[in-house]
């Protein structure tokens, strides 16, 4: 699955590949004041810099 990550410190969005995506767990990590960074795919990001994380809508495979 691919995710788009937007950060407060950059106007450029990043796309990362992940094997699992648990929005609730990631939300808990981002809002946990005892955590400094979060790992999303192969990126390590300051939790306070994360602005948006959302799945990339991939086009459906055409059926024949």
C-alpha atoms as a PDB file:
ATOM      1  CA  UNK A   1       0.000   0.000   0.000  1.00  0.00           C
ATOM      2  CA  UNK A   2       1.199   3.525  -0.743  1.00  0.00           C
ATOM      3  CA  UNK A   3       0.700   6.481   1.572  1.00  0.00           C
ATOM      4  CA  UNK A   4       1.030  10.203   0.977  1.00  0.00           C
ATOM      5  CA  UNK A   5       2.725  12.123   3.788  1.00  0.00           C
ATOM      6  CA  UNK A   6       2.482  15.890   4.063  1.00  0.00           C
ATOM      7  CA  UNK A   7       4.638  17.734   6.597  1.00  0.00           C
ATOM      8  CA  UNK A   8       4.398  21.174   8.162  1.00  0.00           C
ATOM      9  CA  UNK A   9       8.061  21.895   7.303  1.00  0.00           C
ATOM     10  CA  UNK A  10       7.757  21.204   3.571  1.00  0.00           C
ATOM     11  CA  UNK A  11       5.342  22.001   0.778  1.00  0.00           C
ATOM     12  CA  UNK A  12       6.389  18.790  -0.997  1.00  0.00           C
ATOM     13  CA  UNK A  13       4.355  15.668  -0.231  1.00  0.00           C
ATOM     14  CA  UNK A  14       6.176  12.328   0.006  1.00  0.00           C
ATOM     15  CA  UNK A  15       4.860   8.951  -1.089  1.00  0.00           C
ATOM     16  CA  UNK A  16       5.978   5.886   0.850  1.00  0.00           C
ATOM     17  CA  UNK A  17       5.305   2.181   0.475  1.00  0.00           C
ATOM     18  CA  UNK A  18       4.139   0.311   3.585  1.00  0.00           C
ATOM     19  CA  UNK A  19       3.225  -3.313   4.211  1.00  0.00           C
ATOM     20  CA  UNK A  20       0.688  -2.406   6.907  1.00  0.00           C
ATOM     21  CA  UNK A  21      -1.217   0.768   7.706  1.00  0.00           C
ATOM     22  CA  UNK A  22      -3.081   1.198  10.974  1.00  0.00           C
ATOM     23  CA  UNK A  23      -4.490   4.728  11.021  1.00  0.00           C
ATOM     24  CA  UNK A  24      -5.593   4.481  14.660  1.00  0.00           C
ATOM     25  CA  UNK A  25      -2.162   3.342  15.866  1.00  0.00           C
ATOM     26  CA  UNK A  26      -0.371   6.016  13.843  1.00  0.00           C
ATOM     27  CA  UNK A  27      -2.753   8.648  15.213  1.00  0.00           C
ATOM     28  CA  UNK A  28      -1.987   7.520  18.767  1.00  0.00           C
ATOM     29  CA  UNK A  29       1.762   7.765  18.077  1.00  0.00           C
ATOM     30  CA  UNK A  30       1.473  11.224  16.516  1.00  0.00           C
ATOM     31  CA  UNK A  31      -0.518  12.501  19.504  1.00  0.00           C
ATOM     32  CA  UNK A  32       1.675  10.839  22.157  1.00  0.00           C
ATOM     33  CA  UNK A  33       3.789  13.573  23.772  1.00  0.00           C
ATOM     34  CA  UNK A  34       6.323  10.989  25.028  1.00  0.00           C
ATOM     35  CA  UNK A  35       7.280  10.022  21.437  1.00  0.00           C
ATOM     36  CA  UNK A  36       9.636  12.226  19.400  1.00  0.00           C
ATOM     37  CA  UNK A  37       9.538  10.481  16.014  1.00  0.00           C
ATOM     38  CA  UNK A  38       7.279   8.127  14.078  1.00  0.00           C
ATOM     39  CA  UNK A  39       8.286   5.607  11.420  1.00  0.00           C
ATOM     40  CA  UNK A  40       6.131   5.516   8.292  1.00  0.00           C
ATOM     41  CA  UNK A  41       7.413   3.097   5.680  1.00  0.00           C
ATOM     42  CA  UNK A  42      11.120   3.864   5.285  1.00  0.00           C
ATOM     43  CA  UNK A  43      10.791   7.428   6.641  1.00  0.00           C
ATOM     44  CA  UNK A  44      11.489   8.624  10.176  1.00  0.00           C
ATOM     45  CA  UNK A  45       9.605  11.856  10.833  1.00  0.00           C
ATOM     46  CA  UNK A  46       9.232  14.153  13.802  1.00  0.00           C
ATOM     47  CA  UNK A  47       5.736  13.439  15.092  1.00  0.00           C
ATOM     48  CA  UNK A  48       4.963  17.174  15.360  1.00  0.00           C
ATOM     49  CA  UNK A  49       5.938  17.672  11.702  1.00  0.00           C
ATOM     50  CA  UNK A  50       3.310  15.238  10.388  1.00  0.00           C
ATOM     51  CA  UNK A  51       0.468  17.185   8.809  1.00  0.00           C
ATOM     52  CA  UNK A  52      -1.373  14.496   6.825  1.00  0.00           C
ATOM     53  CA  UNK A  53      -1.092  10.782   6.136  1.00  0.00           C
ATOM     54  CA  UNK A  54      -3.512   9.222   3.686  1.00  0.00           C
ATOM     55  CA  UNK A  55      -3.670   6.155   1.458  1.00  0.00           C
ATOM     56  CA  UNK A  56      -3.074   6.673  -2.242  1.00  0.00           C
ATOM     57  CA  UNK A  57      -6.097   5.740  -4.284  1.00  0.00           C
ATOM     58  CA  UNK A  58      -4.746   3.292  -6.825  1.00  0.00           C
ATOM     59  CA  UNK A  59      -6.745   2.774 -10.009  1.00  0.00           C
ATOM     60  CA  UNK A  60      -8.683  -0.461 -10.151  1.00  0.00           C
ATOM     61  CA  UNK A  61      -7.412  -3.138 -12.494  1.00  0.00           C
ATOM     62  CA  UNK A  62      -9.528  -3.282 -15.640  1.00  0.00           C
ATOM     63  CA  UNK A  63     -11.570  -6.428 -15.963  1.00  0.00           C
ATOM     64  CA  UNK A  64     -11.826  -8.124 -19.304  1.00  0.00           C
END
